[in-house]
C-alpha atoms as a PDB file:
ATOM      1  CA  MET A   1     -18.346  -7.104  -4.194  1.00  0.00           C
ATOM      2  CA  ALA A   2     -21.780  -7.623  -2.663  1.00  0.00           C
ATOM      3  CA  ALA A   3     -23.962  -4.604  -2.052  1.00  0.00           C
ATOM      4  CA  SER A   4     -23.769  -3.326   1.512  1.00  0.00           C
ATOM      5  CA  ALA A   5     -26.691  -4.123   3.787  1.00  0.00           C
ATOM      6  CA  ALA A   6     -29.519  -1.609   4.130  1.00  0.00           C
ATOM      7  CA  GLY A   7     -27.706   0.885   1.936  1.00  0.00           C
ATOM      8  CA  ALA A   8     -24.880   1.419   4.440  1.00  0.00           C
ATOM      9  CA  ARG A   9     -21.685   2.762   2.964  1.00  0.00           C
ATOM     10  CA  ALA A  10     -18.474   0.781   3.127  1.00  0.00           C
ATOM     11  CA  PRO A  11     -15.728   2.277   5.288  1.00  0.00           C
ATOM     12  CA  ARG A  12     -13.418   4.847   3.743  1.00  0.00           C
ATOM     13  CA  ILE A  13      -9.853   3.657   4.366  1.00  0.00           C
ATOM     14  CA  ASP A  14      -6.632   5.155   3.048  1.00  0.00           C
ATOM     15  CA  SER A  15      -4.703   1.936   2.480  1.00  0.00           C
ATOM     16  CA  HIS A  16      -1.202   3.413   2.284  1.00  0.00           C
ATOM     17  CA  GLN A  17       0.479   6.150   4.275  1.00  0.00           C
ATOM     18  CA  HIS A  18       3.532   6.591   6.472  1.00  0.00           C
ATOM     19  CA  PHE A  19       4.466   8.053   9.837  1.00  0.00           C
ATOM     20  CA  TRP A  20       7.944   8.894  11.016  1.00  0.00           C
ATOM     21  CA  ARG A  21      10.028  10.955  13.388  1.00  0.00           C
ATOM     22  CA  TYR A  22      12.559  12.278  10.915  1.00  0.00           C
ATOM     23  CA  ARG A  23      16.203  11.394  11.480  1.00  0.00           C
ATOM     24  CA  PRO A  24      18.763  11.772   8.637  1.00  0.00           C
ATOM     25  CA  GLU A  25      20.527   8.559   9.632  1.00  0.00           C
ATOM     26  CA  THR A  26      17.249   6.605   9.561  1.00  0.00           C
ATOM     27  CA  HIS A  27      15.653   8.220   6.519  1.00  0.00           C
ATOM     28  CA  GLY A  28      18.605   8.457   4.170  1.00  0.00           C
ATOM     29  CA  TRP A  29      16.351   7.915   1.160  1.00  0.00           C
ATOM     30  CA  ILE A  30      14.966  11.418   1.695  1.00  0.00           C
ATOM     31  CA  ASP A  31      17.435  13.356  -0.461  1.00  0.00           C
ATOM     32  CA  GLU A  32      17.892  17.078  -1.067  1.00  0.00           C
ATOM     33  CA  ARG A  33      15.065  17.205  -3.620  1.00  0.00           C
ATOM     34  CA  MET A  34      12.697  16.017  -0.893  1.00  0.00           C
ATOM     35  CA  GLY A  35      13.098  18.798   1.643  1.00  0.00           C
ATOM     36  CA  VAL A  36       9.357  18.908   2.364  1.00  0.00           C
ATOM     37  CA  LEU A  37       9.656  15.434   3.915  1.00  0.00           C
ATOM     38  CA  LYS A  38      12.448  16.331   6.342  1.00  0.00           C
ATOM     39  CA  ARG A  39      10.257  16.671   9.403  1.00  0.00           C
ATOM     40  CA  ASP A  40       8.098  14.523  11.646  1.00  0.00           C
ATOM     41  CA  PHE A  41       4.819  13.202  10.223  1.00  0.00           C
ATOM     42  CA  LEU A  42       2.482  11.770  12.856  1.00  0.00           C
ATOM     43  CA  PRO A  43      -1.187  10.753  13.215  1.00  0.00           C
ATOM     44  CA  GLN A  44      -2.289  14.201  14.367  1.00  0.00           C
ATOM     45  CA  ASP A  45      -1.023  15.582  11.043  1.00  0.00           C
ATOM     46  CA  LEU A  46      -2.947  13.093   8.922  1.00  0.00           C
ATOM     47  CA  GLU A  47      -6.242  12.754  10.781  1.00  0.00           C
ATOM     48  CA  PRO A  48      -7.736  16.125   9.713  1.00  0.00           C
ATOM     49  CA  LEU A  49      -6.743  15.476   6.095  1.00  0.00           C
ATOM     50  CA  LEU A  50      -8.567  12.148   6.141  1.00  0.00           C
ATOM     51  CA  GLY A  51     -11.628  13.699   7.741  1.00  0.00           C
ATOM     52  CA  ALA A  52     -11.778  16.450   5.132  1.00  0.00           C
ATOM     53  CA  GLU A  53     -12.088  13.780   2.423  1.00  0.00           C
ATOM     54  CA  GLY A  54     -14.561  11.571   4.296  1.00  0.00           C
ATOM     55  CA  PHE A  55     -12.087   8.891   5.355  1.00  0.00           C
ATOM     56  CA  SER A  56     -12.290   7.313   8.805  1.00  0.00           C
ATOM     57  CA  GLY A  57      -9.331   4.930   8.717  1.00  0.00           C
ATOM     58  CA  ALA A  58      -5.806   4.403   7.438  1.00  0.00           C
ATOM     59  CA  VAL A  59      -3.175   1.701   7.031  1.00  0.00           C
ATOM     60  CA  ALA A  60       0.293   2.713   8.229  1.00  0.00           C
ATOM     61  CA  VAL A  61       3.084   1.197   6.127  1.00  0.00           C
ATOM     62  CA  GLN A  62       6.759   0.835   7.026  1.00  0.00           C
ATOM     63  CA  ALA A  63       9.325   3.182   5.515  1.00  0.00           C
ATOM     64  CA  SER A  64      12.427   1.958   7.379  1.00  0.00           C
ATOM     65  CA  GLN A  65      13.590  -1.612   7.703  1.00  0.00           C
ATOM     66  CA  SER A  66      13.761  -2.279  11.418  1.00  0.00           C
ATOM     67  CA  LEU A  67      11.777  -4.048  14.093  1.00  0.00           C
ATOM     68  CA  ASP A  68      11.909  -0.800  16.063  1.00  0.00           C
ATOM     69  CA  GLU A  69       9.852   0.946  13.387  1.00  0.00           C
ATOM     70  CA  THR A  70       7.311  -1.866  13.369  1.00  0.00           C
ATOM     71  CA  CYS A  71       6.910  -1.367  17.125  1.00  0.00           C
ATOM     72  CA  PHE A  72       6.715   2.418  16.651  1.00  0.00           C
ATOM     73  CA  LEU A  73       3.897   2.093  14.106  1.00  0.00           C
ATOM     74  CA  LEU A  74       2.023  -0.362  16.313  1.00  0.00           C
ATOM     75  CA  GLU A  75       2.271   2.008  19.266  1.00  0.00           C
ATOM     76  CA  LEU A  76       0.792   4.790  17.128  1.00  0.00           C
ATOM     77  CA  ALA A  77      -1.993   2.499  15.939  1.00  0.00           C
ATOM     78  CA  GLU A  78      -2.800   1.398  19.460  1.00  0.00           C
ATOM     79  CA  SER A  79      -3.141   5.009  20.603  1.00  0.00           C
ATOM     80  CA  HIS A  80      -4.985   6.386  17.539  1.00  0.00           C
ATOM     81  CA  ALA A  81      -8.139   4.484  16.614  1.00  0.00           C
ATOM     82  CA  PHE A  82      -8.176   5.673  12.999  1.00  0.00           C
ATOM     83  CA  VAL A  83      -4.846   3.896  12.327  1.00  0.00           C
ATOM     84  CA  GLN A  84      -6.641   0.617  11.807  1.00  0.00           C
ATOM     85  CA  ALA A  85      -3.817  -1.565  10.495  1.00  0.00           C
ATOM     86  CA  VAL A  86      -0.030  -1.647  10.241  1.00  0.00           C
ATOM     87  CA  VAL A  87       2.141  -3.130   7.504  1.00  0.00           C
ATOM     88  CA  GLY A  88       5.450  -3.518   9.299  1.00  0.00           C
ATOM     89  CA  TRP A  89       8.852  -5.075   8.639  1.00  0.00           C
ATOM     90  CA  VAL A  90      10.527  -8.285   9.744  1.00  0.00           C
ATOM     91  CA  ASP A  91      13.679  -9.918   8.430  1.00  0.00           C
ATOM     92  CA  LEU A  92      12.206 -12.446   6.011  1.00  0.00           C
ATOM     93  CA  ARG A  93      15.514 -14.252   5.550  1.00  0.00           C
ATOM     94  CA  ALA A  94      16.394 -14.517   9.244  1.00  0.00           C
ATOM     95  CA  ALA A  95      16.859 -17.880  10.924  1.00  0.00           C
ATOM     96  CA  ASP A  96      14.738 -16.585  13.814  1.00  0.00           C
ATOM     97  CA  LEU A  97      11.908 -15.239  11.649  1.00  0.00           C
ATOM     98  CA  SER A  98       9.333 -17.322  13.507  1.00  0.00           C
ATOM     99  CA  ARG A  99      10.477 -15.801  16.799  1.00  0.00           C
ATOM    100  CA  GLN A 100      10.274 -12.293  15.323  1.00  0.00           C
ATOM    101  CA  LEU A 101       6.699 -12.921  14.208  1.00  0.00           C
ATOM    102  CA  GLU A 102       5.736 -14.541  17.494  1.00  0.00           C
ATOM    103  CA  SER A 103       7.014 -11.462  19.341  1.00  0.00           C
ATOM    104  CA  PHE A 104       4.093  -9.541  17.831  1.00  0.00           C
ATOM    105  CA  THR A 105       1.461 -11.989  19.049  1.00  0.00           C
ATOM    106  CA  GLY A 106      -1.350  -9.972  20.579  1.00  0.00           C
ATOM    107  CA  ARG A 107      -0.496  -6.825  18.595  1.00  0.00           C
ATOM    108  CA  GLU A 108      -3.732  -7.117  16.654  1.00  0.00           C
ATOM    109  CA  ARG A 109      -3.173  -4.136  14.377  1.00  0.00           C
ATOM    110  CA  LEU A 110      -0.211  -5.780  12.691  1.00  0.00           C
ATOM    111  CA  ARG A 111      -1.887  -6.981   9.497  1.00  0.00           C
ATOM    112  CA  GLY A 112       0.941  -7.151   7.002  1.00  0.00           C
ATOM    113  CA  VAL A 113       4.665  -7.132   6.269  1.00  0.00           C
ATOM    114  CA  ARG A 114       6.707  -5.307   3.631  1.00  0.00           C
ATOM    115  CA  HIS A 115      10.331  -5.318   2.530  1.00  0.00           C
ATOM    116  CA  ILE A 116      11.735  -2.542   0.335  1.00  0.00           C
ATOM    117  CA  ALA A 117      12.534  -4.983  -2.447  1.00  0.00           C
ATOM    118  CA  GLN A 118      12.835  -2.155  -4.978  1.00  0.00           C
ATOM    119  CA  ASP A 119      16.193  -1.254  -3.405  1.00  0.00           C
ATOM    120  CA  GLU A 120      17.680  -4.742  -3.587  1.00  0.00           C
ATOM    121  CA  ALA A 121      20.559  -5.029  -6.066  1.00  0.00           C
ATOM    122  CA  ASP A 122      19.231  -8.409  -7.195  1.00  0.00           C
ATOM    123  CA  ASP A 123      16.117  -7.799  -9.306  1.00  0.00           C
ATOM    124  CA  ALA A 124      15.127 -11.415  -8.615  1.00  0.00           C
ATOM    125  CA  TRP A 125      15.317 -10.951  -4.831  1.00  0.00           C
ATOM    126  CA  LEU A 126      11.647 -11.799  -4.292  1.00  0.00           C
ATOM    127  CA  ALA A 127      12.099 -15.088  -6.151  1.00  0.00           C
ATOM    128  CA  ARG A 128      14.947 -16.282  -3.892  1.00  0.00           C
ATOM    129  CA  GLU A 129      14.201 -19.534  -2.100  1.00  0.00           C
ATOM    130  CA  ASP A 130      14.906 -18.055   1.333  1.00  0.00           C
ATOM    131  CA  VAL A 131      12.612 -15.089   0.651  1.00  0.00           C
ATOM    132  CA  ILE A 132       9.803 -17.340  -0.598  1.00  0.00           C
ATOM    133  CA  ARG A 133      10.257 -19.482   2.501  1.00  0.00           C
ATOM    134  CA  GLY A 134      10.059 -16.402   4.735  1.00  0.00           C
ATOM    135  CA  VAL A 135       6.981 -14.949   3.046  1.00  0.00           C
ATOM    136  CA  GLY A 136       5.420 -18.404   3.230  1.00  0.00           C
ATOM    137  CA  MET A 137       5.617 -18.221   7.017  1.00  0.00           C
ATOM    138  CA  LEU A 138       3.390 -15.117   7.133  1.00  0.00           C
ATOM    139  CA  GLY A 139       0.227 -17.119   6.498  1.00  0.00           C
ATOM    140  CA  ARG A 140       0.579 -18.864   9.858  1.00  0.00           C
ATOM    141  CA  PHE A 141       0.235 -15.462  11.486  1.00  0.00           C
ATOM    142  CA  GLY A 142      -2.571 -14.194   9.236  1.00  0.00           C
ATOM    143  CA  LEU A 143      -0.390 -11.538   7.605  1.00  0.00           C
ATOM    144  CA  VAL A 144      -0.575 -10.010   4.126  1.00  0.00           C
ATOM    145  CA  TYR A 145       2.626  -9.316   2.165  1.00  0.00           C
ATOM    146  CA  ASP A 146       2.936  -5.917   0.456  1.00  0.00           C
ATOM    147  CA  ILE A 147       5.059  -5.986  -2.721  1.00  0.00           C
ATOM    148  CA  LEU A 148       7.205  -2.907  -3.409  1.00  0.00           C
ATOM    149  CA  VAL A 149       9.031  -3.191  -6.727  1.00  0.00           C
ATOM    150  CA  TYR A 150       9.933  -1.344  -9.891  1.00  0.00           C
ATOM    151  CA  PRO A 151       8.604  -2.569 -13.263  1.00  0.00           C
ATOM    152  CA  ARG A 152      11.819  -4.484 -14.012  1.00  0.00           C
ATOM    153  CA  GLN A 153      11.232  -6.539 -10.833  1.00  0.00           C
ATOM    154  CA  LEU A 154       7.665  -7.601 -11.631  1.00  0.00           C
ATOM    155  CA  GLU A 155       8.889 -10.940 -12.970  1.00  0.00           C
ATOM    156  CA  SER A 156      10.178 -11.879  -9.519  1.00  0.00           C
ATOM    157  CA  ALA A 157       6.930 -10.679  -7.916  1.00  0.00           C
ATOM    158  CA  ILE A 158       5.006 -12.971 -10.253  1.00  0.00           C
ATOM    159  CA  ALA A 159       7.262 -15.889  -9.306  1.00  0.00           C
ATOM    160  CA  LEU A 160       6.724 -15.209  -5.595  1.00  0.00           C
ATOM    161  CA  ALA A 161       2.937 -14.961  -5.860  1.00  0.00           C
ATOM    162  CA  ARG A 162       2.768 -18.118  -7.980  1.00  0.00           C
ATOM    163  CA  ALA A 163       4.899 -20.036  -5.491  1.00  0.00           C
ATOM    164  CA  LEU A 164       2.529 -19.159  -2.619  1.00  0.00           C
ATOM    165  CA  PRO A 165      -1.018 -19.329  -4.023  1.00  0.00           C
ATOM    166  CA  ASN A 166      -2.648 -19.243  -0.575  1.00  0.00           C
ATOM    167  CA  GLN A 167      -0.726 -16.180   0.619  1.00  0.00           C
ATOM    168  CA  PRO A 168      -2.481 -12.821   0.095  1.00  0.00           C
ATOM    169  CA  PHE A 169      -0.361 -10.165  -1.615  1.00  0.00           C
ATOM    170  CA  VAL A 170      -0.884  -6.457  -2.263  1.00  0.00           C
ATOM    171  CA  LEU A 171       1.105  -4.655  -4.964  1.00  0.00           C
ATOM    172  CA  ASP A 172       2.076  -1.140  -3.890  1.00  0.00           C
ATOM    173  CA  HIS A 173       2.061   1.828  -6.263  1.00  0.00           C
ATOM    174  CA  LEU A 174       1.263  -0.284  -9.372  1.00  0.00           C
ATOM    175  CA  ALA A 175       4.972  -1.239  -9.340  1.00  0.00           C
ATOM    176  CA  LYS A 176       5.926   2.394 -10.036  1.00  0.00           C
ATOM    177  CA  PRO A 177       5.358   2.697 -13.799  1.00  0.00           C
ATOM    178  CA  GLU A 178       7.450   5.250 -15.695  1.00  0.00           C
ATOM    179  CA  ILE A 179       4.751   7.904 -15.898  1.00  0.00           C
ATOM    180  CA  ALA A 180       7.144  10.841 -16.302  1.00  0.00           C
ATOM    181  CA  LYS A 181       8.449   9.186 -19.481  1.00  0.00           C
ATOM    182  CA  GLY A 182       4.972   8.255 -20.713  1.00  0.00           C
ATOM    183  CA  ARG A 183       6.072   4.618 -20.960  1.00  0.00           C
ATOM    184  CA  LEU A 184       3.415   1.904 -20.659  1.00  0.00           C
ATOM    185  CA  ASP A 185       5.248  -1.172 -21.942  1.00  0.00           C
ATOM    186  CA  PRO A 186       6.509  -3.649 -20.881  1.00  0.00           C
ATOM    187  CA  TRP A 187       5.014  -2.614 -17.502  1.00  0.00           C
ATOM    188  CA  ARG A 188       1.462  -3.015 -18.806  1.00  0.00           C
ATOM    189  CA  ALA A 189       1.938  -6.610 -19.957  1.00  0.00           C
ATOM    190  CA  ASP A 190       3.742  -7.637 -16.772  1.00  0.00           C
ATOM    191  CA  LEU A 191       1.097  -6.024 -14.545  1.00  0.00           C
ATOM    192  CA  ARG A 192      -1.592  -7.979 -16.375  1.00  0.00           C
ATOM    193  CA  ARG A 193       0.347 -11.205 -15.800  1.00  0.00           C
ATOM    194  CA  LEU A 194       0.542 -10.467 -12.080  1.00  0.00           C
ATOM    195  CA  ALA A 195      -3.168  -9.623 -12.003  1.00  0.00           C
ATOM    196  CA  GLU A 196      -3.981 -13.065 -13.401  1.00  0.00           C
ATOM    197  CA  LEU A 197      -3.074 -14.457  -9.979  1.00  0.00           C
ATOM    198  CA  PRO A 198      -6.174 -14.277  -7.750  1.00  0.00           C
ATOM    199  CA  ASN A 199      -4.172 -13.941  -4.512  1.00  0.00           C
ATOM    200  CA  VAL A 200      -2.851 -10.511  -5.554  1.00  0.00           C
ATOM    201  CA  ALA A 201      -4.583  -7.177  -4.952  1.00  0.00           C
ATOM    202  CA  CYS A 202      -3.232  -3.762  -5.930  1.00  0.00           C
ATOM    203  CA  LYS A 203      -3.057  -0.256  -4.506  1.00  0.00           C
ATOM    204  CA  LEU A 204      -3.909   2.832  -6.536  1.00  0.00           C
ATOM    205  CA  SER A 205      -1.158   4.733  -4.765  1.00  0.00           C
ATOM    206  CA  GLY A 206       2.172   6.467  -5.221  1.00  0.00           C
ATOM    207  CA  LEU A 207       1.536   7.577  -8.803  1.00  0.00           C
ATOM    208  CA  VAL A 208       1.896  11.360  -8.600  1.00  0.00           C
ATOM    209  CA  THR A 209       5.513  10.949  -7.530  1.00  0.00           C
ATOM    210  CA  GLU A 210       6.197   8.779 -10.597  1.00  0.00           C
ATOM    211  CA  ALA A 211       4.906  11.634 -12.778  1.00  0.00           C
ATOM    212  CA  ARG A 212       6.560  15.029 -13.226  1.00  0.00           C
ATOM    213  CA  TRP A 213       6.456  16.429  -9.708  1.00  0.00           C
ATOM    214  CA  ASP A 214       5.988  20.035 -10.796  1.00  0.00           C
ATOM    215  CA  GLY A 215       3.723  19.585 -13.790  1.00  0.00           C
ATOM    216  CA  TRP A 216       1.593  16.427 -13.852  1.00  0.00           C
ATOM    217  CA  THR A 217      -2.047  16.407 -14.880  1.00  0.00           C
ATOM    218  CA  PRO A 218      -4.699  13.719 -14.346  1.00  0.00           C
ATOM    219  CA  ALA A 219      -4.448  12.956 -18.073  1.00  0.00           C
ATOM    220  CA  ASP A 220      -0.788  11.952 -17.590  1.00  0.00           C
ATOM    221  CA  ILE A 221      -1.709   9.361 -14.961  1.00  0.00           C
ATOM    222  CA  ARG A 222      -5.112   8.183 -16.148  1.00  0.00           C
ATOM    223  CA  PRO A 223      -3.776   5.597 -18.683  1.00  0.00           C
ATOM    224  CA  TYR A 224      -1.960   3.776 -15.868  1.00  0.00           C
ATOM    225  CA  LEU A 225      -5.011   3.821 -13.618  1.00  0.00           C
ATOM    226  CA  ASP A 226      -7.114   2.483 -16.488  1.00  0.00           C
ATOM    227  CA  VAL A 227      -4.682  -0.409 -17.012  1.00  0.00           C
ATOM    228  CA  ALA A 228      -4.922  -1.303 -13.332  1.00  0.00           C
ATOM    229  CA  LEU A 229      -8.721  -1.083 -13.320  1.00  0.00           C
ATOM    230  CA  ASP A 230      -8.950  -3.340 -16.335  1.00  0.00           C
ATOM    231  CA  ALA A 231      -6.378  -5.831 -15.036  1.00  0.00           C
ATOM    232  CA  PHE A 232      -7.440  -6.183 -11.399  1.00  0.00           C
ATOM    233  CA  GLY A 233     -11.064  -5.032 -11.507  1.00  0.00           C
ATOM    234  CA  PRO A 234     -12.735  -3.012  -8.756  1.00  0.00           C
ATOM    235  CA  ASP A 235     -12.830  -5.964  -6.338  1.00  0.00           C
ATOM    236  CA  ARG A 236      -9.002  -6.146  -6.044  1.00  0.00           C
ATOM    237  CA  LEU A 237      -8.032  -2.473  -6.058  1.00  0.00           C
ATOM    238  CA  MET A 238      -7.695  -0.139  -3.093  1.00  0.00           C
ATOM    239  CA  PHE A 239      -6.977   3.572  -2.821  1.00  0.00           C
ATOM    240  CA  GLY A 240      -3.836   4.710  -1.005  1.00  0.00           C
ATOM    241  CA  SER A 241      -2.573   8.275  -0.722  1.00  0.00           C
ATOM    242  CA  ASP A 242       1.101   7.521  -0.021  1.00  0.00           C
ATOM    243  CA  TRP A 243       1.024  10.533   2.314  1.00  0.00           C
ATOM    244  CA  PRO A 244       3.318  12.268   3.166  1.00  0.00           C
ATOM    245  CA  VAL A 245       5.497  11.143   0.227  1.00  0.00           C
ATOM    246  CA  CYS A 246       2.767  12.415  -2.109  1.00  0.00           C
ATOM    247  CA  LEU A 247       3.553  15.945  -0.894  1.00  0.00           C
ATOM    248  CA  LEU A 248       6.495  15.956  -3.295  1.00  0.00           C
ATOM    249  CA  ALA A 249       3.983  16.287  -6.122  1.00  0.00           C
ATOM    250  CA  GLY A 250       0.551  17.024  -4.651  1.00  0.00           C
ATOM    251  CA  SER A 251      -1.617  17.266  -1.569  1.00  0.00           C
ATOM    252  CA  HIS A 252      -3.602  14.487   0.071  1.00  0.00           C
ATOM    253  CA  ALA A 253      -6.729  16.043  -1.453  1.00  0.00           C
ATOM    254  CA  ASP A 254      -5.092  16.012  -4.894  1.00  0.00           C
ATOM    255  CA  VAL A 255      -4.441  12.272  -4.832  1.00  0.00           C
ATOM    256  CA  VAL A 256      -7.902  11.502  -3.456  1.00  0.00           C
ATOM    257  CA  GLY A 257      -9.398  13.547  -6.283  1.00  0.00           C
ATOM    258  CA  LEU A 258      -7.255  11.736  -8.843  1.00  0.00           C
ATOM    259  CA  ALA A 259      -8.516   8.356  -7.664  1.00  0.00           C
ATOM    260  CA  ARG A 260     -12.126   9.459  -7.456  1.00  0.00           C
ATOM    261  CA  GLY A 261     -11.950  10.751 -11.008  1.00  0.00           C
ATOM    262  CA  ALA A 262     -10.536   7.468 -12.254  1.00  0.00           C
ATOM    263  CA  ILE A 263     -13.328   5.399 -10.690  1.00  0.00           C
ATOM    264  CA  ALA A 264     -16.198   7.796 -11.330  1.00  0.00           C
ATOM    265  CA  ALA A 265     -17.790   5.529 -13.948  1.00  0.00           C
ATOM    266  CA  LEU A 266     -17.957   2.553 -11.568  1.00  0.00           C
ATOM    267  CA  SER A 267     -21.086   1.671  -9.635  1.00  0.00           C
ATOM    268  CA  ARG A 268     -21.546   2.967  -6.097  1.00  0.00           C
ATOM    269  CA  ASP A 269     -20.679  -0.420  -4.604  1.00  0.00           C
ATOM    270  CA  GLU A 270     -17.559  -0.684  -6.772  1.00  0.00           C
ATOM    271  CA  GLN A 271     -16.409   2.796  -5.769  1.00  0.00           C
ATOM    272  CA  ASP A 272     -17.026   1.920  -2.125  1.00  0.00           C
ATOM    273  CA  ALA A 273     -14.889  -1.187  -2.540  1.00  0.00           C
ATOM    274  CA  VAL A 274     -11.944   0.730  -4.017  1.00  0.00           C
ATOM    275  CA  LEU A 275     -12.186   3.538  -1.456  1.00  0.00           C
ATOM    276  CA  GLY A 276     -12.162   1.290   1.572  1.00  0.00           C
ATOM    277  CA  GLY A 277     -14.118  -1.936   1.372  1.00  0.00           C
ATOM    278  CA  ASN A 278     -11.323  -3.902  -0.291  1.00  0.00           C
ATOM    279  CA  ALA A 279      -8.708  -2.639   2.159  1.00  0.00           C
ATOM    280  CA  ALA A 280     -10.951  -3.667   5.053  1.00  0.00           C
ATOM    281  CA  ARG A 281     -11.389  -7.147   3.574  1.00  0.00           C
ATOM    282  CA  VAL A 282      -7.778  -7.773   2.591  1.00  0.00           C
ATOM    283  CA  TYR A 283      -6.249  -6.453   5.813  1.00  0.00           C
ATOM    284  CA  GLY A 284      -8.991  -7.846   8.049  1.00  0.00           C
ATOM    285  CA  ILE A 285     -10.105  -4.475   9.411  1.00  0.00           C
ATOM    286  CA  GLU A 286     -13.227  -4.689  11.535  1.00  0.00           C
ATOM    287  CA  PRO A 287     -15.972  -2.054  11.128  1.00  0.00           C
ATOM    288  CA  GLN A 288     -15.857   0.735  13.671  1.00  0.00           C
ATOM    289  CA  ALA A 289     -18.867   2.085  15.473  1.00  0.00           C
ATOM    290  CA  GLY A 290     -20.370   5.105  13.764  1.00  0.00           C
ATOM    291  CA  GLY A 291     -19.003   4.444  10.292  1.00  0.00           C
ATOM    292  CA  THR A 292     -18.347   7.249   7.828  1.00  0.00           C
ATOM    293  CA  ALA A 293     -20.077   9.054   5.034  1.00  0.00           C
END
């Protein structure tokens, strides 16, 4: 990534976090082990945490699969300037997908789409013809596609990204490697294969909750971060906290510190890219007046 003009720092953007008004019927994935998440999480809860770590912006990502949630996130973004982009949900396989996407015309903070593919019974769901066709429509609307999969589903993610070489993709949570088990392979080889595709970027996010929630150390997670750094390089990686889900295993400050430690040996410009510059570029986030330290 090119050095920033006149020594200005790139924006600090948390590329992955969630907001919700908790309802058991809507958030059924929050089970009894996840009691800390059974409440509302809104922009006023996150903004001071971002500020404490020097971040000025965030990308809100869907956690429920409904058009209503996409609208909810957009309303929050439109009323809170620091929520600079939204990755929402649409029904990629719907016959009226084009109409769904057109309904968001003018909602400028919608920058991406995600489907919770990790929960699909078919591990090859992303490689289905109708899904590829749906994701292929996103480019007409300038939207990124966020990939949420487990390691066993990386093969289908590779097939999807290969089928649409002009569509930008972002892999969430490094495809959730089995950190608690200390298992690197075959995840490592498959991640490298995905990284060979230049239209795919990757988030350094969601890793503390793949480790032992009550006993992880940076040394447990560092090998996985190192694989991602080597595979994607600092120009295609972006930090994401996965707040508030990260609270199951650590604070927002904990996950920021983990990422900063992993990239400490990079140059200033490379660190700036990972901590915000790449998210701004990939999601098309315009600089805000005032900037951030």
